[in-house]
């Protein structure tokens, strides 16, 4: 059901993207803090929509389809904007790129595996990756607005840790998927 609370929470992550992106064009610390708050609120909905869907027995095909897309759109758009607005050091473009590329790879892999009726559950390490990534990004959104601490450096370290976990989990998913690709060719 499209209008169930879990699905509305998922949709809210997509709705918030233009707001967060728009705040990049607004000068001042308040805009950075607002972007951070919107991103955090959106990230929190990622946990709540799944929890509510399962506990209220409202898991839907629409929700299973849209949830990972909403996450990827949110993360990719903010990483892109951080790079475009020079809020990442040049060397930290690499972990941002790794994260986005892995998300595309895993999405394609999941789509293929769905065709051969194989599910690919999210691993515990992938959940850690997401948690670190969803912590690093709002820290980077705040950036220099938090003059009391080295937020850019902390955010970039978090982004690198997330990228390392991204490589590990992406490789695990790819290796698992390759087994099924070999089976489907027979």
C-alpha atoms as a PDB file:
ATOM      1  CA  UNK A   1       0.000   0.000   0.000  1.00  0.00           C
ATOM      2  CA  UNK A   2       1.514   3.285  -1.173  1.00  0.00           C
ATOM      3  CA  UNK A   3       0.095   5.331   1.689  1.00  0.00           C
ATOM      4  CA  UNK A   4       1.262   3.119   4.533  1.00  0.00           C
ATOM      5  CA  UNK A   5       3.471   4.920   7.042  1.00  0.00           C
ATOM      6  CA  UNK A   6       6.562   2.830   6.176  1.00  0.00           C
ATOM      7  CA  UNK A   7       6.193   3.699   2.479  1.00  0.00           C
ATOM      8  CA  UNK A   8       5.558   7.362   3.268  1.00  0.00           C
ATOM      9  CA  UNK A   9       8.755   7.410   5.337  1.00  0.00           C
ATOM     10  CA  UNK A  10      10.637   5.923   2.398  1.00  0.00           C
ATOM     11  CA  UNK A  11       9.144   8.506   0.049  1.00  0.00           C
ATOM     12  CA  UNK A  12      10.136  11.263   2.486  1.00  0.00           C
ATOM     13  CA  UNK A  13      13.795  10.393   1.902  1.00  0.00           C
ATOM     14  CA  UNK A  14      13.337  11.177  -1.780  1.00  0.00           C
ATOM     15  CA  UNK A  15      11.349  14.358  -1.072  1.00  0.00           C
ATOM     16  CA  UNK A  16      14.084  15.685   1.216  1.00  0.00           C
ATOM     17  CA  UNK A  17      16.795  15.412  -1.472  1.00  0.00           C
ATOM     18  CA  UNK A  18      15.956  18.676  -3.295  1.00  0.00           C
ATOM     19  CA  UNK A  19      15.759  20.453   0.056  1.00  0.00           C
ATOM     20  CA  UNK A  20      19.207  19.257   1.132  1.00  0.00           C
ATOM     21  CA  UNK A  21      20.650  20.007  -2.303  1.00  0.00           C
ATOM     22  CA  UNK A  22      19.038  23.459  -2.294  1.00  0.00           C
ATOM     23  CA  UNK A  23      20.674  24.271   1.024  1.00  0.00           C
ATOM     24  CA  UNK A  24      24.086  23.987  -0.635  1.00  0.00           C
ATOM     25  CA  UNK A  25      23.192  27.181  -2.501  1.00  0.00           C
ATOM     26  CA  UNK A  26      22.340  29.079   0.674  1.00  0.00           C
ATOM     27  CA  UNK A  27      25.193  30.901   2.383  1.00  0.00           C
ATOM     28  CA  UNK A  28      25.816  30.625   6.087  1.00  0.00           C
ATOM     29  CA  UNK A  29      26.170  28.173   8.896  1.00  0.00           C
ATOM     30  CA  UNK A  30      22.422  27.868   9.470  1.00  0.00           C
ATOM     31  CA  UNK A  31      22.011  26.304   6.020  1.00  0.00           C
ATOM     32  CA  UNK A  32      24.726  23.744   6.769  1.00  0.00           C
ATOM     33  CA  UNK A  33      23.111  22.798  10.071  1.00  0.00           C
ATOM     34  CA  UNK A  34      19.691  22.607   8.398  1.00  0.00           C
ATOM     35  CA  UNK A  35      21.075  20.318   5.666  1.00  0.00           C
ATOM     36  CA  UNK A  36      22.627  18.157   8.375  1.00  0.00           C
ATOM     37  CA  UNK A  37      19.344  17.976  10.303  1.00  0.00           C
ATOM     38  CA  UNK A  38      17.362  17.055   7.181  1.00  0.00           C
ATOM     39  CA  UNK A  39      19.887  14.383   6.216  1.00  0.00           C
ATOM     40  CA  UNK A  40      19.884  12.896   9.727  1.00  0.00           C
ATOM     41  CA  UNK A  41      16.079  12.876   9.793  1.00  0.00           C
ATOM     42  CA  UNK A  42      16.051  11.126   6.415  1.00  0.00           C
ATOM     43  CA  UNK A  43      18.660   8.603   7.579  1.00  0.00           C
ATOM     44  CA  UNK A  44      16.613   7.836  10.681  1.00  0.00           C
ATOM     45  CA  UNK A  45      13.558   7.120   8.518  1.00  0.00           C
ATOM     46  CA  UNK A  46      15.588   4.399   6.815  1.00  0.00           C
ATOM     47  CA  UNK A  47      15.639   2.442  10.046  1.00  0.00           C
ATOM     48  CA  UNK A  48      12.054   3.265  11.025  1.00  0.00           C
ATOM     49  CA  UNK A  49      10.417   2.389   7.719  1.00  0.00           C
ATOM     50  CA  UNK A  50      11.828  -1.134   7.753  1.00  0.00           C
ATOM     51  CA  UNK A  51      11.137  -1.636  11.445  1.00  0.00           C
ATOM     52  CA  UNK A  52       7.544  -0.441  11.147  1.00  0.00           C
ATOM     53  CA  UNK A  53       6.884  -2.405   7.959  1.00  0.00           C
ATOM     54  CA  UNK A  54       8.039  -5.620   9.628  1.00  0.00           C
ATOM     55  CA  UNK A  55       6.429  -5.054  13.017  1.00  0.00           C
ATOM     56  CA  UNK A  56       3.100  -3.881  11.533  1.00  0.00           C
ATOM     57  CA  UNK A  57       3.191  -6.585   8.861  1.00  0.00           C
ATOM     58  CA  UNK A  58       3.130  -3.925   6.137  1.00  0.00           C
ATOM     59  CA  UNK A  59       6.068  -5.113   4.052  1.00  0.00           C
ATOM     60  CA  UNK A  60       5.160  -4.342   0.450  1.00  0.00           C
ATOM     61  CA  UNK A  61       6.687  -4.871  -2.974  1.00  0.00           C
ATOM     62  CA  UNK A  62       6.666  -1.118  -3.455  1.00  0.00           C
ATOM     63  CA  UNK A  63       8.576  -0.614  -0.200  1.00  0.00           C
ATOM     64  CA  UNK A  64      11.112  -3.339  -0.991  1.00  0.00           C
ATOM     65  CA  UNK A  65      11.632  -1.733  -4.398  1.00  0.00           C
ATOM     66  CA  UNK A  66      11.822   1.904  -3.296  1.00  0.00           C
ATOM     67  CA  UNK A  67      13.725   1.635   0.010  1.00  0.00           C
ATOM     68  CA  UNK A  68      17.186   0.887  -1.418  1.00  0.00           C
ATOM     69  CA  UNK A  69      16.640   3.374  -4.242  1.00  0.00           C
ATOM     70  CA  UNK A  70      15.743   6.153  -1.797  1.00  0.00           C
ATOM     71  CA  UNK A  71      18.898   5.443   0.206  1.00  0.00           C
ATOM     72  CA  UNK A  72      21.129   5.459  -2.844  1.00  0.00           C
ATOM     73  CA  UNK A  73      19.594   8.647  -4.268  1.00  0.00           C
ATOM     74  CA  UNK A  74      20.031  10.453  -0.959  1.00  0.00           C
ATOM     75  CA  UNK A  75      23.631   9.373  -0.416  1.00  0.00           C
ATOM     76  CA  UNK A  76      24.754   9.847  -4.032  1.00  0.00           C
ATOM     77  CA  UNK A  77      23.192  13.290  -4.361  1.00  0.00           C
ATOM     78  CA  UNK A  78      24.774  14.559  -1.138  1.00  0.00           C
ATOM     79  CA  UNK A  79      28.198  13.070  -1.956  1.00  0.00           C
ATOM     80  CA  UNK A  80      28.002  14.680  -5.388  1.00  0.00           C
ATOM     81  CA  UNK A  81      27.109  18.059  -3.892  1.00  0.00           C
ATOM     82  CA  UNK A  82      29.860  17.838  -1.268  1.00  0.00           C
ATOM     83  CA  UNK A  83      32.358  17.281  -4.077  1.00  0.00           C
ATOM     84  CA  UNK A  84      30.835  19.962  -6.335  1.00  0.00           C
ATOM     85  CA  UNK A  85      30.876  22.574  -3.571  1.00  0.00           C
ATOM     86  CA  UNK A  86      34.462  21.789  -2.565  1.00  0.00           C
ATOM     87  CA  UNK A  87      33.493  20.444   0.847  1.00  0.00           C
ATOM     88  CA  UNK A  88      35.642  17.353   0.337  1.00  0.00           C
ATOM     89  CA  UNK A  89      39.374  17.304  -0.126  1.00  0.00           C
ATOM     90  CA  UNK A  90      40.384  16.078  -3.564  1.00  0.00           C
ATOM     91  CA  UNK A  91      41.691  12.817  -2.135  1.00  0.00           C
ATOM     92  CA  UNK A  92      38.319  12.167  -0.510  1.00  0.00           C
ATOM     93  CA  UNK A  93      36.593  12.162  -3.902  1.00  0.00           C
ATOM     94  CA  UNK A  94      37.897   8.591  -4.133  1.00  0.00           C
ATOM     95  CA  UNK A  95      35.908   7.118  -1.208  1.00  0.00           C
ATOM     96  CA  UNK A  96      32.834   9.044  -2.378  1.00  0.00           C
ATOM     97  CA  UNK A  97      33.237   7.527  -5.839  1.00  0.00           C
ATOM     98  CA  UNK A  98      33.810   4.051  -4.400  1.00  0.00           C
ATOM     99  CA  UNK A  99      30.616   4.322  -2.356  1.00  0.00           C
ATOM    100  CA  UNK A 100      28.525   5.438  -5.326  1.00  0.00           C
ATOM    101  CA  UNK A 101      29.986   2.812  -7.667  1.00  0.00           C
ATOM    102  CA  UNK A 102      29.405   0.029  -5.147  1.00  0.00           C
ATOM    103  CA  UNK A 103      25.796   1.106  -4.733  1.00  0.00           C
ATOM    104  CA  UNK A 104      25.282   0.856  -8.494  1.00  0.00           C
ATOM    105  CA  UNK A 105      27.018  -2.537  -8.603  1.00  0.00           C
ATOM    106  CA  UNK A 106      24.975  -3.965  -5.743  1.00  0.00           C
ATOM    107  CA  UNK A 107      21.730  -2.596  -7.233  1.00  0.00           C
ATOM    108  CA  UNK A 108      22.453  -4.285 -10.544  1.00  0.00           C
ATOM    109  CA  UNK A 109      23.458  -7.475  -8.799  1.00  0.00           C
ATOM    110  CA  UNK A 110      20.268  -7.504  -6.730  1.00  0.00           C
ATOM    111  CA  UNK A 111      18.210  -6.950  -9.875  1.00  0.00           C
ATOM    112  CA  UNK A 112      19.913  -9.876 -11.613  1.00  0.00           C
ATOM    113  CA  UNK A 113      19.561 -12.152  -8.606  1.00  0.00           C
ATOM    114  CA  UNK A 114      15.883 -11.266  -8.313  1.00  0.00           C
ATOM    115  CA  UNK A 115      15.420 -12.494 -11.893  1.00  0.00           C
ATOM    116  CA  UNK A 116      16.896 -15.875 -10.947  1.00  0.00           C
ATOM    117  CA  UNK A 117      14.867 -15.831  -7.718  1.00  0.00           C
ATOM    118  CA  UNK A 118      17.816 -15.538  -5.346  1.00  0.00           C
ATOM    119  CA  UNK A 119      17.619 -13.144  -2.432  1.00  0.00           C
ATOM    120  CA  UNK A 120      20.690 -11.280  -1.243  1.00  0.00           C
ATOM    121  CA  UNK A 121      20.195 -10.254   2.370  1.00  0.00           C
ATOM    122  CA  UNK A 122      22.082  -7.306   3.787  1.00  0.00           C
ATOM    123  CA  UNK A 123      25.113  -8.441   5.774  1.00  0.00           C
ATOM    124  CA  UNK A 124      25.952  -7.180   9.238  1.00  0.00           C
ATOM    125  CA  UNK A 125      29.135  -5.591   7.873  1.00  0.00           C
ATOM    126  CA  UNK A 126      27.075  -3.765   5.232  1.00  0.00           C
ATOM    127  CA  UNK A 127      24.893  -2.390   8.026  1.00  0.00           C
ATOM    128  CA  UNK A 128      28.024  -1.114   9.767  1.00  0.00           C
ATOM    129  CA  UNK A 129      29.133   0.459   6.490  1.00  0.00           C
ATOM    130  CA  UNK A 130      25.803   2.215   6.180  1.00  0.00           C
ATOM    131  CA  UNK A 131      25.929   3.408   9.787  1.00  0.00           C
ATOM    132  CA  UNK A 132      29.424   4.861   9.398  1.00  0.00           C
ATOM    133  CA  UNK A 133      28.527   6.417   6.059  1.00  0.00           C
ATOM    134  CA  UNK A 134      25.320   7.923   7.463  1.00  0.00           C
ATOM    135  CA  UNK A 135      27.364   9.403  10.318  1.00  0.00           C
ATOM    136  CA  UNK A 136      30.201  10.749   8.156  1.00  0.00           C
ATOM    137  CA  UNK A 137      27.961  12.507   5.640  1.00  0.00           C
ATOM    138  CA  UNK A 138      26.109  14.784   8.090  1.00  0.00           C
ATOM    139  CA  UNK A 139      29.443  15.648   9.718  1.00  0.00           C
ATOM    140  CA  UNK A 140      30.660  16.697   6.266  1.00  0.00           C
ATOM    141  CA  UNK A 141      27.440  18.630   5.679  1.00  0.00           C
ATOM    142  CA  UNK A 142      28.081  20.706   8.788  1.00  0.00           C
ATOM    143  CA  UNK A 143      31.727  21.175   7.861  1.00  0.00           C
ATOM    144  CA  UNK A 144      33.182  24.513   8.869  1.00  0.00           C
ATOM    145  CA  UNK A 145      29.955  25.553  10.622  1.00  0.00           C
ATOM    146  CA  UNK A 146      31.167  23.504  13.597  1.00  0.00           C
ATOM    147  CA  UNK A 147      34.295  25.535  14.260  1.00  0.00           C
ATOM    148  CA  UNK A 148      34.725  23.863  17.653  1.00  0.00           C
ATOM    149  CA  UNK A 149      35.964  20.609  16.096  1.00  0.00           C
ATOM    150  CA  UNK A 150      37.722  19.363  12.941  1.00  0.00           C
ATOM    151  CA  UNK A 151      34.500  18.217  11.281  1.00  0.00           C
ATOM    152  CA  UNK A 152      35.818  18.002   7.734  1.00  0.00           C
ATOM    153  CA  UNK A 153      38.674  15.758   8.809  1.00  0.00           C
ATOM    154  CA  UNK A 154      36.413  13.604  10.984  1.00  0.00           C
ATOM    155  CA  UNK A 155      33.864  13.297   8.194  1.00  0.00           C
ATOM    156  CA  UNK A 156      36.509  12.371   5.653  1.00  0.00           C
ATOM    157  CA  UNK A 157      37.987   9.708   7.946  1.00  0.00           C
ATOM    158  CA  UNK A 158      34.494   8.287   8.343  1.00  0.00           C
ATOM    159  CA  UNK A 159      34.022   8.373   4.581  1.00  0.00           C
ATOM    160  CA  UNK A 160      37.276   6.459   4.073  1.00  0.00           C
ATOM    161  CA  UNK A 161      36.265   3.842   6.653  1.00  0.00           C
ATOM    162  CA  UNK A 162      32.885   3.506   4.945  1.00  0.00           C
ATOM    163  CA  UNK A 163      34.642   3.147   1.574  1.00  0.00           C
ATOM    164  CA  UNK A 164      36.892   0.376   2.889  1.00  0.00           C
ATOM    165  CA  UNK A 165      33.844  -1.459   4.237  1.00  0.00           C
ATOM    166  CA  UNK A 166      32.128  -0.722   0.927  1.00  0.00           C
ATOM    167  CA  UNK A 167      34.887  -2.522  -0.966  1.00  0.00           C
ATOM    168  CA  UNK A 168      34.777  -5.510   1.393  1.00  0.00           C
ATOM    169  CA  UNK A 169      30.982  -5.851   1.338  1.00  0.00           C
ATOM    170  CA  UNK A 170      30.786  -5.136  -2.392  1.00  0.00           C
ATOM    171  CA  UNK A 171      33.321  -7.882  -3.048  1.00  0.00           C
ATOM    172  CA  UNK A 172      31.392 -10.289  -0.794  1.00  0.00           C
ATOM    173  CA  UNK A 173      28.138  -9.543  -2.624  1.00  0.00           C
ATOM    174  CA  UNK A 174      29.803  -9.816  -6.038  1.00  0.00           C
ATOM    175  CA  UNK A 175      31.459 -13.123  -5.148  1.00  0.00           C
ATOM    176  CA  UNK A 176      28.144 -14.498  -3.914  1.00  0.00           C
ATOM    177  CA  UNK A 177      26.350 -13.225  -7.005  1.00  0.00           C
ATOM    178  CA  UNK A 178      28.961 -14.688  -9.349  1.00  0.00           C
ATOM    179  CA  UNK A 179      28.180 -18.163  -7.998  1.00  0.00           C
ATOM    180  CA  UNK A 180      24.581 -17.723  -9.068  1.00  0.00           C
ATOM    181  CA  UNK A 181      25.569 -16.247 -12.423  1.00  0.00           C
ATOM    182  CA  UNK A 182      27.577 -19.398 -13.137  1.00  0.00           C
ATOM    183  CA  UNK A 183      24.641 -21.572 -12.125  1.00  0.00           C
ATOM    184  CA  UNK A 184      22.183 -19.693 -14.341  1.00  0.00           C
ATOM    185  CA  UNK A 185      24.397 -20.198 -17.404  1.00  0.00           C
ATOM    186  CA  UNK A 186      24.188 -23.986 -17.123  1.00  0.00           C
END
